[in-house]
Amino acid sequence: LLLFMPKPCLTGKRKPPKLVEETEGTCPFHRSDASPEELSEFGHELERDGRRQEALRCYGKAIRDNPKAAIGWYDLATALQHTDRPHALRYYKHALSLEPSAFHYNQLGVLLRADERHEDAVRSFKKAMSIDAANADAAFNLGGTYELLGQYREALRAYRKALDVESANEARIQNNIGNVHGKLGDWTAAIAAYREAEEADPAFPETHANLLHVFISLGSFDQAKAQLRRARKALPDDEKLSEREQQLNEAIQKRDDEKRKAKWRQEIDKRAAHMTREERIKRFQQVIGHCGPDNKMCMRELLGQTDVDEDVPVRF
């Protein structure tokens, strides 16, 4: 005879996570019957006053008095996000099971990304956007996370979605779009995006620095100089521009040095144009035999190249 034991009924409800010890103790609120919202607001005031430990106790009281109210769990998670991320993530997820919202799924994604759990962060940002398609913060953060994952096409789509639903941060979004195009090697599209960012906010510092970097990298020094003048006018005290100006000057100096070296090489080759290959080899052997392999000044004197800069290689 086989006996079948009934399985316990599963309700699907998760057991609330255990509270950290920091929440133990008395909350200094003047009423013992305070609502979760009152304790939340009071806890925020305590944190602003630098009384973090007391704020944690108030969040703990809100949770113990009203464990099904999400606000206490959200507050505790936020308070712990920089000091105890594992518990912060646990509390945030539990709060979402009680009261899901696009805002809080976006915040969870930020926490997950800070914990370098980028794939989980992507899912959280997407969940936020599924709840609220107009959540520009989630779309922007999704784009940034795709960037970290090296998924640049997806990053562009997410940033463009953020642009579609919000124009207030157009400069920052366009600047990031330019960064992604740069990583894809599409400098024309990158410059176009940076120009859009500059038009949206001429005083947005990252755009000027990025445009200068692109022009310097491409060797477009005249454009870089013009961009630097515009940037200085919009941001006269930006230290980053001083760094870019130094990079520009160094790049121009390097270009001029290379031109000068090339000119000297052509001139020296012209002087010895009449010599055959065998004669060049014989001259090389004679000069090295007289001067040794390391005495470049001696070599230049014998070869008549003392009027050449020292960093120009000796030509035989």
C-alpha atoms as a PDB file:
ATOM      1  CA  LEU A   1       0.000   0.000   0.000  1.00  0.00           C
ATOM      2  CA  LEU A   2       1.470   3.328  -1.104  1.00  0.00           C
ATOM      3  CA  LEU A   3       0.757   6.377   0.981  1.00  0.00           C
ATOM      4  CA  PHE A   4       0.866   9.805  -0.627  1.00  0.00           C
ATOM      5  CA  MET A   5       1.705  12.622   1.753  1.00  0.00           C
ATOM      6  CA  PRO A   6       0.267  16.017   0.767  1.00  0.00           C
ATOM      7  CA  LYS A   7       2.857  18.638  -0.083  1.00  0.00           C
ATOM      8  CA  PRO A   8       2.816  21.847   1.920  1.00  0.00           C
ATOM      9  CA  CYS A   9       0.931  24.659   0.258  1.00  0.00           C
ATOM     10  CA  LEU A  10       3.224  27.263  -1.265  1.00  0.00           C
ATOM     11  CA  THR A  11       1.855  30.766  -1.036  1.00  0.00           C
ATOM     12  CA  GLY A  12       4.574  32.364  -3.167  1.00  0.00           C
ATOM     13  CA  LYS A  13       5.318  34.886  -0.429  1.00  0.00           C
ATOM     14  CA  ARG A  14       8.932  35.428   0.476  1.00  0.00           C
ATOM     15  CA  LYS A  15      10.083  35.674   4.016  1.00  0.00           C
ATOM     16  CA  PRO A  16      11.258  39.231   4.777  1.00  0.00           C
ATOM     17  CA  PRO A  17      15.045  39.534   5.030  1.00  0.00           C
ATOM     18  CA  LYS A  18      16.597  39.853   8.438  1.00  0.00           C
ATOM     19  CA  LEU A  19      17.394  43.395   9.548  1.00  0.00           C
ATOM     20  CA  VAL A  20      20.984  44.419  10.221  1.00  0.00           C
ATOM     21  CA  GLU A  21      22.019  45.034  13.806  1.00  0.00           C
ATOM     22  CA  GLU A  22      22.396  48.775  13.123  1.00  0.00           C
ATOM     23  CA  THR A  23      18.611  49.075  13.086  1.00  0.00           C
ATOM     24  CA  GLU A  24      18.338  47.865  16.679  1.00  0.00           C
ATOM     25  CA  GLY A  25      17.691  50.465  19.344  1.00  0.00           C
ATOM     26  CA  THR A  26      15.358  53.356  19.989  1.00  0.00           C
ATOM     27  CA  CYS A  27      14.260  55.772  17.287  1.00  0.00           C
ATOM     28  CA  PRO A  28      14.220  59.287  18.799  1.00  0.00           C
ATOM     29  CA  PHE A  29      10.830  60.157  17.300  1.00  0.00           C
ATOM     30  CA  HIS A  30       8.510  61.784  19.802  1.00  0.00           C
ATOM     31  CA  ARG A  31       5.589  59.372  19.197  1.00  0.00           C
ATOM     32  CA  SER A  32       5.597  55.605  19.435  1.00  0.00           C
ATOM     33  CA  ASP A  33       2.665  55.247  17.002  1.00  0.00           C
ATOM     34  CA  ALA A  34       4.261  57.122  14.105  1.00  0.00           C
ATOM     35  CA  SER A  35       3.360  56.025  10.582  1.00  0.00           C
ATOM     36  CA  PRO A  36       6.001  54.628   8.198  1.00  0.00           C
ATOM     37  CA  GLU A  37       5.821  57.887   6.232  1.00  0.00           C
ATOM     38  CA  GLU A  38       6.467  59.971   9.338  1.00  0.00           C
ATOM     39  CA  LEU A  39       9.395  57.787  10.345  1.00  0.00           C
ATOM     40  CA  SER A  40      10.758  57.999   6.791  1.00  0.00           C
ATOM     41  CA  GLU A  41      10.681  61.786   6.748  1.00  0.00           C
ATOM     42  CA  PHE A  42      12.180  61.960  10.227  1.00  0.00           C
ATOM     43  CA  GLY A  43      14.936  59.537   9.226  1.00  0.00           C
ATOM     44  CA  HIS A  44      15.797  61.676   6.224  1.00  0.00           C
ATOM     45  CA  GLU A  45      16.119  64.716   8.499  1.00  0.00           C
ATOM     46  CA  LEU A  46      18.422  62.776  10.814  1.00  0.00           C
ATOM     47  CA  GLU A  47      20.628  61.759   7.887  1.00  0.00           C
ATOM     48  CA  ARG A  48      20.853  65.357   6.707  1.00  0.00           C
ATOM     49  CA  ASP A  49      21.956  66.308  10.225  1.00  0.00           C
ATOM     50  CA  GLY A  50      24.675  63.647  10.183  1.00  0.00           C
ATOM     51  CA  ARG A  51      22.830  61.361  12.618  1.00  0.00           C
ATOM     52  CA  ARG A  52      22.905  58.302  10.386  1.00  0.00           C
ATOM     53  CA  GLN A  53      22.835  55.679  13.153  1.00  0.00           C
ATOM     54  CA  GLU A  54      19.635  57.123  14.611  1.00  0.00           C
ATOM     55  CA  ALA A  55      18.118  57.277  11.119  1.00  0.00           C
ATOM     56  CA  LEU A  56      18.801  53.567  10.643  1.00  0.00           C
ATOM     57  CA  ARG A  57      16.962  52.841  13.893  1.00  0.00           C
ATOM     58  CA  CYS A  58      13.959  54.819  12.653  1.00  0.00           C
ATOM     59  CA  TYR A  59      13.908  52.912   9.376  1.00  0.00           C
ATOM     60  CA  GLY A  60      14.144  49.686  11.384  1.00  0.00           C
ATOM     61  CA  LYS A  61      11.199  50.759  13.547  1.00  0.00           C
ATOM     62  CA  ALA A  62       9.149  51.565  10.435  1.00  0.00           C
ATOM     63  CA  ILE A  63       9.838  48.064   9.130  1.00  0.00           C
ATOM     64  CA  ARG A  64       9.161  46.252  12.408  1.00  0.00           C
ATOM     65  CA  ASP A  65       5.930  48.192  13.006  1.00  0.00           C
ATOM     66  CA  ASN A  66       4.749  47.867   9.386  1.00  0.00           C
ATOM     67  CA  PRO A  67       6.693  45.068   7.640  1.00  0.00           C
ATOM     68  CA  LYS A  68       4.419  45.173   4.584  1.00  0.00           C
ATOM     69  CA  ALA A  69       5.016  48.887   3.974  1.00  0.00           C
ATOM     70  CA  ALA A  70       7.731  49.265   1.329  1.00  0.00           C
ATOM     71  CA  ILE A  71       8.878  52.741   2.366  1.00  0.00           C
ATOM     72  CA  GLY A  72      10.930  51.575   5.346  1.00  0.00           C
ATOM     73  CA  TRP A  73      12.683  48.911   3.281  1.00  0.00           C
ATOM     74  CA  TYR A  74      13.482  51.449   0.542  1.00  0.00           C
ATOM     75  CA  ASP A  75      14.865  53.929   3.074  1.00  0.00           C
ATOM     76  CA  LEU A  76      17.026  51.322   4.771  1.00  0.00           C
ATOM     77  CA  ALA A  77      18.372  50.061   1.432  1.00  0.00           C
ATOM     78  CA  THR A  78      19.244  53.574   0.316  1.00  0.00           C
ATOM     79  CA  ALA A  79      20.964  54.362   3.620  1.00  0.00           C
ATOM     80  CA  LEU A  80      23.129  51.237   3.325  1.00  0.00           C
ATOM     81  CA  GLN A  81      23.956  51.420  -0.379  1.00  0.00           C
ATOM     82  CA  HIS A  82      27.508  52.730   0.123  1.00  0.00           C
ATOM     83  CA  THR A  83      28.436  50.841   3.290  1.00  0.00           C
ATOM     84  CA  ASP A  84      26.657  47.492   2.980  1.00  0.00           C
ATOM     85  CA  ARG A  85      25.667  46.884  -0.620  1.00  0.00           C
ATOM     86  CA  PRO A  86      24.671  43.187  -0.230  1.00  0.00           C
ATOM     87  CA  HIS A  87      22.056  44.060   2.389  1.00  0.00           C
ATOM     88  CA  ALA A  88      21.021  47.172   0.468  1.00  0.00           C
ATOM     89  CA  LEU A  89      20.301  45.074  -2.620  1.00  0.00           C
ATOM     90  CA  ARG A  90      18.393  42.506  -0.562  1.00  0.00           C
ATOM     91  CA  TYR A  91      16.203  45.166   1.046  1.00  0.00           C
ATOM     92  CA  TYR A  92      15.617  46.951  -2.233  1.00  0.00           C
ATOM     93  CA  LYS A  93      14.440  43.767  -3.940  1.00  0.00           C
ATOM     94  CA  HIS A  94      12.111  42.986  -1.052  1.00  0.00           C
ATOM     95  CA  ALA A  95      10.681  46.505  -1.185  1.00  0.00           C
ATOM     96  CA  LEU A  96      10.014  46.053  -4.895  1.00  0.00           C
ATOM     97  CA  SER A  97       8.110  42.855  -4.159  1.00  0.00           C
ATOM     98  CA  LEU A  98       5.866  44.907  -1.877  1.00  0.00           C
ATOM     99  CA  GLU A  99       5.481  48.041  -4.000  1.00  0.00           C
ATOM    100  CA  PRO A 100       7.048  47.958  -7.474  1.00  0.00           C
ATOM    101  CA  SER A 101       7.617  51.201  -9.332  1.00  0.00           C
ATOM    102  CA  ALA A 102       9.614  52.415 -12.315  1.00  0.00           C
ATOM    103  CA  PHE A 103      11.559  54.825 -10.125  1.00  0.00           C
ATOM    104  CA  HIS A 104      12.684  52.118  -7.741  1.00  0.00           C
ATOM    105  CA  TYR A 105      13.535  49.601 -10.474  1.00  0.00           C
ATOM    106  CA  ASN A 106      15.752  52.292 -11.942  1.00  0.00           C
ATOM    107  CA  GLN A 107      17.386  52.853  -8.547  1.00  0.00           C
ATOM    108  CA  LEU A 108      17.911  49.116  -8.139  1.00  0.00           C
ATOM    109  CA  GLY A 109      19.622  49.083 -11.530  1.00  0.00           C
ATOM    110  CA  VAL A 110      21.992  51.809 -10.349  1.00  0.00           C
ATOM    111  CA  LEU A 111      22.843  49.736  -7.278  1.00  0.00           C
ATOM    112  CA  LEU A 112      23.402  46.606  -9.354  1.00  0.00           C
ATOM    113  CA  ARG A 113      25.644  48.474 -11.771  1.00  0.00           C
ATOM    114  CA  ALA A 114      27.691  49.850  -8.874  1.00  0.00           C
ATOM    115  CA  ASP A 115      28.079  46.226  -7.759  1.00  0.00           C
ATOM    116  CA  GLU A 116      29.325  45.423 -11.309  1.00  0.00           C
ATOM    117  CA  ARG A 117      26.314  43.194 -11.947  1.00  0.00           C
ATOM    118  CA  HIS A 118      25.713  44.788 -15.314  1.00  0.00           C
ATOM    119  CA  GLU A 119      23.451  42.146 -16.856  1.00  0.00           C
ATOM    120  CA  ASP A 120      21.172  42.290 -13.807  1.00  0.00           C
ATOM    121  CA  ALA A 121      21.231  46.081 -14.017  1.00  0.00           C
ATOM    122  CA  VAL A 122      20.105  45.914 -17.663  1.00  0.00           C
ATOM    123  CA  ARG A 123      17.112  43.798 -16.655  1.00  0.00           C
ATOM    124  CA  SER A 124      16.212  46.214 -13.887  1.00  0.00           C
ATOM    125  CA  PHE A 125      16.383  49.268 -16.152  1.00  0.00           C
ATOM    126  CA  LYS A 126      14.277  47.474 -18.758  1.00  0.00           C
ATOM    127  CA  LYS A 127      11.721  46.601 -16.086  1.00  0.00           C
ATOM    128  CA  ALA A 128      11.535  50.269 -15.117  1.00  0.00           C
ATOM    129  CA  MET A 129      10.924  51.207 -18.759  1.00  0.00           C
ATOM    130  CA  SER A 130       8.242  48.533 -19.116  1.00  0.00           C
ATOM    131  CA  ILE A 131       6.370  50.097 -16.185  1.00  0.00           C
ATOM    132  CA  ASP A 132       6.928  53.669 -17.389  1.00  0.00           C
ATOM    133  CA  ALA A 133       7.931  54.028 -21.024  1.00  0.00           C
ATOM    134  CA  ALA A 134       8.645  57.725 -20.449  1.00  0.00           C
ATOM    135  CA  ASN A 135      11.258  57.084 -17.761  1.00  0.00           C
ATOM    136  CA  ALA A 136      14.229  58.875 -19.309  1.00  0.00           C
ATOM    137  CA  ASP A 137      16.520  58.122 -16.367  1.00  0.00           C
ATOM    138  CA  ALA A 138      16.110  54.380 -16.862  1.00  0.00           C
ATOM    139  CA  ALA A 139      16.753  54.695 -20.607  1.00  0.00           C
ATOM    140  CA  PHE A 140      19.852  56.812 -19.988  1.00  0.00           C
ATOM    141  CA  ASN A 141      21.170  54.408 -17.365  1.00  0.00           C
ATOM    142  CA  LEU A 142      20.454  51.490 -19.674  1.00  0.00           C
ATOM    143  CA  GLY A 143      22.580  53.157 -22.339  1.00  0.00           C
ATOM    144  CA  GLY A 144      25.431  53.665 -19.894  1.00  0.00           C
ATOM    145  CA  THR A 145      25.274  50.040 -18.783  1.00  0.00           C
ATOM    146  CA  TYR A 146      25.343  48.785 -22.364  1.00  0.00           C
ATOM    147  CA  GLU A 147      28.444  50.939 -22.832  1.00  0.00           C
ATOM    148  CA  LEU A 148      30.113  49.189 -19.909  1.00  0.00           C
ATOM    149  CA  LEU A 149      29.221  45.851 -21.497  1.00  0.00           C
ATOM    150  CA  GLY A 150      30.706  46.941 -24.829  1.00  0.00           C
ATOM    151  CA  GLN A 151      27.311  46.621 -26.527  1.00  0.00           C
ATOM    152  CA  TYR A 152      27.521  49.938 -28.334  1.00  0.00           C
ATOM    153  CA  ARG A 153      24.640  49.555 -30.808  1.00  0.00           C
ATOM    154  CA  GLU A 154      22.280  48.772 -27.939  1.00  0.00           C
ATOM    155  CA  ALA A 155      23.708  51.746 -26.029  1.00  0.00           C
ATOM    156  CA  LEU A 156      22.876  54.063 -28.937  1.00  0.00           C
ATOM    157  CA  ARG A 157      19.305  52.773 -29.069  1.00  0.00           C
ATOM    158  CA  ALA A 158      18.860  53.340 -25.338  1.00  0.00           C
ATOM    159  CA  TYR A 159      20.308  56.857 -25.441  1.00  0.00           C
ATOM    160  CA  ARG A 160      18.066  57.761 -28.380  1.00  0.00           C
ATOM    161  CA  LYS A 161      15.089  56.462 -26.431  1.00  0.00           C
ATOM    162  CA  ALA A 162      16.098  58.776 -23.584  1.00  0.00           C
ATOM    163  CA  LEU A 163      16.202  61.670 -26.067  1.00  0.00           C
ATOM    164  CA  ASP A 164      12.745  60.785 -27.349  1.00  0.00           C
ATOM    165  CA  VAL A 165      11.154  61.089 -23.912  1.00  0.00           C
ATOM    166  CA  GLU A 166      13.167  63.946 -22.383  1.00  0.00           C
ATOM    167  CA  SER A 167      14.924  67.009 -23.703  1.00  0.00           C
ATOM    168  CA  ALA A 168      16.051  68.528 -20.393  1.00  0.00           C
ATOM    169  CA  ASN A 169      19.337  66.575 -20.432  1.00  0.00           C
ATOM    170  CA  GLU A 170      19.886  66.689 -24.181  1.00  0.00           C
ATOM    171  CA  ALA A 171      23.472  67.919 -23.864  1.00  0.00           C
ATOM    172  CA  ARG A 172      24.526  65.031 -21.629  1.00  0.00           C
ATOM    173  CA  ILE A 173      22.683  62.434 -23.709  1.00  0.00           C
ATOM    174  CA  GLN A 174      24.102  63.725 -27.011  1.00  0.00           C
ATOM    175  CA  ASN A 175      27.551  63.852 -25.441  1.00  0.00           C
ATOM    176  CA  ASN A 176      27.251  60.178 -24.499  1.00  0.00           C
ATOM    177  CA  ILE A 177      25.999  59.339 -27.989  1.00  0.00           C
ATOM    178  CA  GLY A 178      29.132  61.013 -29.322  1.00  0.00           C
ATOM    179  CA  ASN A 179      31.264  58.910 -26.977  1.00  0.00           C
ATOM    180  CA  VAL A 180      29.661  55.716 -28.256  1.00  0.00           C
ATOM    181  CA  HIS A 181      30.173  56.696 -31.904  1.00  0.00           C
ATOM    182  CA  GLY A 182      33.811  57.363 -31.041  1.00  0.00           C
ATOM    183  CA  LYS A 183      34.160  53.875 -29.586  1.00  0.00           C
ATOM    184  CA  LEU A 184      32.691  52.538 -32.829  1.00  0.00           C
ATOM    185  CA  GLY A 185      35.278  54.530 -34.797  1.00  0.00           C
ATOM    186  CA  ASP A 186      32.641  56.696 -36.488  1.00  0.00           C
ATOM    187  CA  TRP A 187      34.237  60.101 -35.893  1.00  0.00           C
ATOM    188  CA  THR A 188      31.894  61.952 -38.256  1.00  0.00           C
ATOM    189  CA  ALA A 189      28.857  60.806 -36.282  1.00  0.00           C
ATOM    190  CA  ALA A 190      30.684  61.483 -33.016  1.00  0.00           C
ATOM    191  CA  ILE A 191      31.433  65.077 -34.002  1.00  0.00           C
ATOM    192  CA  ALA A 192      27.829  65.580 -35.136  1.00  0.00           C
ATOM    193  CA  ALA A 193      26.531  64.354 -31.762  1.00  0.00           C
ATOM    194  CA  TYR A 194      28.969  66.559 -29.866  1.00  0.00           C
ATOM    195  CA  ARG A 195      27.818  69.539 -31.952  1.00  0.00           C
ATOM    196  CA  GLU A 196      24.213  68.750 -30.996  1.00  0.00           C
ATOM    197  CA  ALA A 197      25.279  68.649 -27.358  1.00  0.00           C
ATOM    198  CA  GLU A 198      27.118  71.954 -27.714  1.00  0.00           C
ATOM    199  CA  GLU A 199      24.064  73.569 -29.274  1.00  0.00           C
ATOM    200  CA  ALA A 200      21.822  72.257 -26.491  1.00  0.00           C
ATOM    201  CA  ASP A 201      24.129  73.600 -23.779  1.00  0.00           C
ATOM    202  CA  PRO A 202      27.189  75.637 -24.827  1.00  0.00           C
ATOM    203  CA  ALA A 203      28.498  75.508 -21.243  1.00  0.00           C
ATOM    204  CA  PHE A 204      28.452  71.705 -20.931  1.00  0.00           C
ATOM    205  CA  PRO A 205      32.145  71.055 -20.172  1.00  0.00           C
ATOM    206  CA  GLU A 206      32.506  67.424 -21.289  1.00  0.00           C
ATOM    207  CA  THR A 207      31.444  68.236 -24.838  1.00  0.00           C
ATOM    208  CA  HIS A 208      34.177  70.813 -25.376  1.00  0.00           C
ATOM    209  CA  ALA A 209      36.808  68.487 -23.932  1.00  0.00           C
ATOM    210  CA  ASN A 210      35.610  65.613 -26.113  1.00  0.00           C
ATOM    211  CA  LEU A 211      35.538  67.681 -29.295  1.00  0.00           C
ATOM    212  CA  LEU A 212      39.071  68.888 -28.597  1.00  0.00           C
ATOM    213  CA  HIS A 213      40.201  65.304 -28.046  1.00  0.00           C
ATOM    214  CA  VAL A 214      38.684  64.185 -31.350  1.00  0.00           C
ATOM    215  CA  PHE A 215      40.161  67.051 -33.371  1.00  0.00           C
ATOM    216  CA  ILE A 216      43.598  66.551 -31.796  1.00  0.00           C
ATOM    217  CA  SER A 217      43.458  62.795 -32.458  1.00  0.00           C
ATOM    218  CA  LEU A 218      42.486  63.403 -36.095  1.00  0.00           C
ATOM    219  CA  GLY A 219      45.221  66.001 -36.539  1.00  0.00           C
ATOM    220  CA  SER A 220      42.623  68.694 -37.293  1.00  0.00           C
ATOM    221  CA  PHE A 221      44.528  71.355 -35.397  1.00  0.00           C
ATOM    222  CA  ASP A 222      42.817  74.386 -36.912  1.00  0.00           C
ATOM    223  CA  GLN A 223      39.431  73.011 -35.858  1.00  0.00           C
ATOM    224  CA  ALA A 224      40.877  72.222 -32.434  1.00  0.00           C
ATOM    225  CA  LYS A 225      42.095  75.814 -32.053  1.00  0.00           C
ATOM    226  CA  ALA A 226      38.686  77.182 -33.048  1.00  0.00           C
ATOM    227  CA  GLN A 227      36.975  74.801 -30.610  1.00  0.00           C
ATOM    228  CA  LEU A 228      39.331  75.846 -27.843  1.00  0.00           C
ATOM    229  CA  ARG A 229      38.449  79.509 -28.394  1.00  0.00           C
ATOM    230  CA  ARG A 230      34.724  78.721 -28.147  1.00  0.00           C
ATOM    231  CA  ALA A 231      35.298  76.616 -25.059  1.00  0.00           C
ATOM    232  CA  ARG A 232      37.344  79.318 -23.351  1.00  0.00           C
ATOM    233  CA  LYS A 233      34.590  81.818 -24.009  1.00  0.00           C
ATOM    234  CA  ALA A 234      31.917  79.535 -22.533  1.00  0.00           C
ATOM    235  CA  LEU A 235      34.037  78.088 -19.700  1.00  0.00           C
ATOM    236  CA  PRO A 236      36.898  80.462 -18.858  1.00  0.00           C
ATOM    237  CA  ASP A 237      37.835  78.655 -15.611  1.00  0.00           C
ATOM    238  CA  ASP A 238      37.579  75.025 -16.718  1.00  0.00           C
ATOM    239  CA  GLU A 239      40.806  73.225 -15.742  1.00  0.00           C
ATOM    240  CA  LYS A 240      40.097  70.393 -18.186  1.00  0.00           C
ATOM    241  CA  LEU A 241      40.479  72.864 -21.040  1.00  0.00           C
ATOM    242  CA  SER A 242      43.980  73.707 -19.832  1.00  0.00           C
ATOM    243  CA  GLU A 243      44.873  70.021 -20.100  1.00  0.00           C
ATOM    244  CA  ARG A 244      43.426  69.831 -23.605  1.00  0.00           C
ATOM    245  CA  GLU A 245      45.268  73.020 -24.602  1.00  0.00           C
ATOM    246  CA  GLN A 246      48.537  71.456 -23.464  1.00  0.00           C
ATOM    247  CA  GLN A 247      47.733  68.309 -25.452  1.00  0.00           C
ATOM    248  CA  LEU A 248      47.001  70.445 -28.494  1.00  0.00           C
ATOM    249  CA  ASN A 249      50.277  72.351 -28.199  1.00  0.00           C
ATOM    250  CA  GLU A 250      52.224  69.117 -27.756  1.00  0.00           C
ATOM    251  CA  ALA A 251      50.518  67.567 -30.778  1.00  0.00           C
ATOM    252  CA  ILE A 252      51.298  70.625 -32.931  1.00  0.00           C
ATOM    253  CA  GLN A 253      54.918  70.573 -31.748  1.00  0.00           C
ATOM    254  CA  LYS A 254      55.183  66.883 -32.598  1.00  0.00           C
ATOM    255  CA  ARG A 255      53.761  67.501 -36.067  1.00  0.00           C
ATOM    256  CA  ASP A 256      56.184  70.368 -36.683  1.00  0.00           C
ATOM    257  CA  ASP A 257      59.102  68.265 -35.455  1.00  0.00           C
ATOM    258  CA  GLU A 258      58.159  65.445 -37.819  1.00  0.00           C
ATOM    259  CA  LYS A 259      57.929  67.863 -40.732  1.00  0.00           C
ATOM    260  CA  ARG A 260      61.340  69.278 -39.892  1.00  0.00           C
ATOM    261  CA  LYS A 261      62.874  65.816 -39.616  1.00  0.00           C
ATOM    262  CA  ALA A 262      61.349  64.778 -42.941  1.00  0.00           C
ATOM    263  CA  LYS A 263      62.747  67.896 -44.584  1.00  0.00           C
ATOM    264  CA  TRP A 264      66.243  67.198 -43.227  1.00  0.00           C
ATOM    265  CA  ARG A 265      66.063  63.591 -44.363  1.00  0.00           C
ATOM    266  CA  GLN A 266      65.174  64.711 -47.864  1.00  0.00           C
ATOM    267  CA  GLU A 267      68.020  67.239 -47.853  1.00  0.00           C
ATOM    268  CA  ILE A 268      70.594  64.706 -46.631  1.00  0.00           C
ATOM    269  CA  ASP A 269      69.430  62.115 -49.138  1.00  0.00           C
ATOM    270  CA  LYS A 270      69.726  64.733 -51.843  1.00  0.00           C
ATOM    271  CA  ARG A 271      73.343  65.431 -50.863  1.00  0.00           C
ATOM    272  CA  ALA A 272      74.233  61.751 -51.248  1.00  0.00           C
ATOM    273  CA  ALA A 273      72.016  61.044 -54.238  1.00  0.00           C
ATOM    274  CA  HIS A 274      75.045  60.499 -56.499  1.00  0.00           C
ATOM    275  CA  MET A 275      76.418  57.655 -54.365  1.00  0.00           C
ATOM    276  CA  THR A 276      75.855  54.003 -55.256  1.00  0.00           C
ATOM    277  CA  ARG A 277      74.695  51.431 -52.728  1.00  0.00           C
ATOM    278  CA  GLU A 278      78.208  49.989 -52.514  1.00  0.00           C
ATOM    279  CA  GLU A 279      79.642  53.435 -51.825  1.00  0.00           C
ATOM    280  CA  ARG A 280      77.091  53.999 -49.047  1.00  0.00           C
ATOM    281  CA  ILE A 281      78.010  50.682 -47.414  1.00  0.00           C
ATOM    282  CA  LYS A 282      81.719  51.509 -47.618  1.00  0.00           C
ATOM    283  CA  ARG A 283      81.095  54.949 -46.086  1.00  0.00           C
ATOM    284  CA  PHE A 284      79.033  53.377 -43.298  1.00  0.00           C
ATOM    285  CA  GLN A 285      81.837  50.958 -42.476  1.00  0.00           C
ATOM    286  CA  GLN A 286      84.438  53.728 -42.458  1.00  0.00           C
ATOM    287  CA  VAL A 287      82.404  56.048 -40.226  1.00  0.00           C
ATOM    288  CA  ILE A 288      81.509  53.300 -37.732  1.00  0.00           C
ATOM    289  CA  GLY A 289      85.099  52.091 -37.714  1.00  0.00           C
ATOM    290  CA  HIS A 290      86.327  55.602 -36.893  1.00  0.00           C
ATOM    291  CA  CYS A 291      83.609  56.768 -34.476  1.00  0.00           C
ATOM    292  CA  GLY A 292      82.255  53.560 -33.005  1.00  0.00           C
ATOM    293  CA  PRO A 293      78.547  52.589 -33.034  1.00  0.00           C
ATOM    294  CA  ASP A 294      77.348  55.068 -30.384  1.00  0.00           C
ATOM    295  CA  ASN A 295      79.192  58.353 -31.046  1.00  0.00           C
ATOM    296  CA  LYS A 296      76.594  60.160 -33.129  1.00  0.00           C
ATOM    297  CA  MET A 297      78.293  63.555 -32.875  1.00  0.00           C
ATOM    298  CA  CYS A 298      81.441  62.092 -34.421  1.00  0.00           C
ATOM    299  CA  MET A 299      79.362  60.532 -37.181  1.00  0.00           C
ATOM    300  CA  ARG A 300      77.606  63.827 -37.933  1.00  0.00           C
ATOM    301  CA  GLU A 301      80.942  65.675 -38.163  1.00  0.00           C
ATOM    302  CA  LEU A 302      82.379  63.141 -40.611  1.00  0.00           C
ATOM    303  CA  LEU A 303      79.162  63.084 -42.688  1.00  0.00           C
ATOM    304  CA  GLY A 304      78.636  66.868 -42.670  1.00  0.00           C
ATOM    305  CA  GLN A 305      75.354  66.644 -40.797  1.00  0.00           C
ATOM    306  CA  THR A 306      76.117  68.938 -37.862  1.00  0.00           C
ATOM    307  CA  ASP A 307      73.414  71.352 -39.009  1.00  0.00           C
ATOM    308  CA  VAL A 308      70.738  68.708 -38.321  1.00  0.00           C
ATOM    309  CA  ASP A 309      68.773  68.480 -35.056  1.00  0.00           C
ATOM    310  CA  GLU A 310      70.157  65.889 -32.645  1.00  0.00           C
ATOM    311  CA  ASP A 311      66.943  63.871 -32.634  1.00  0.00           C
ATOM    312  CA  VAL A 312      67.136  63.328 -36.412  1.00  0.00           C
ATOM    313  CA  PRO A 313      68.738  59.939 -37.145  1.00  0.00           C
ATOM    314  CA  VAL A 314      72.175  59.909 -38.781  1.00  0.00           C
ATOM    315  CA  ARG A 315      71.818  59.202 -42.497  1.00  0.00           C
ATOM    316  CA  PHE A 316      74.469  57.220 -44.364  1.00  0.00           C
END
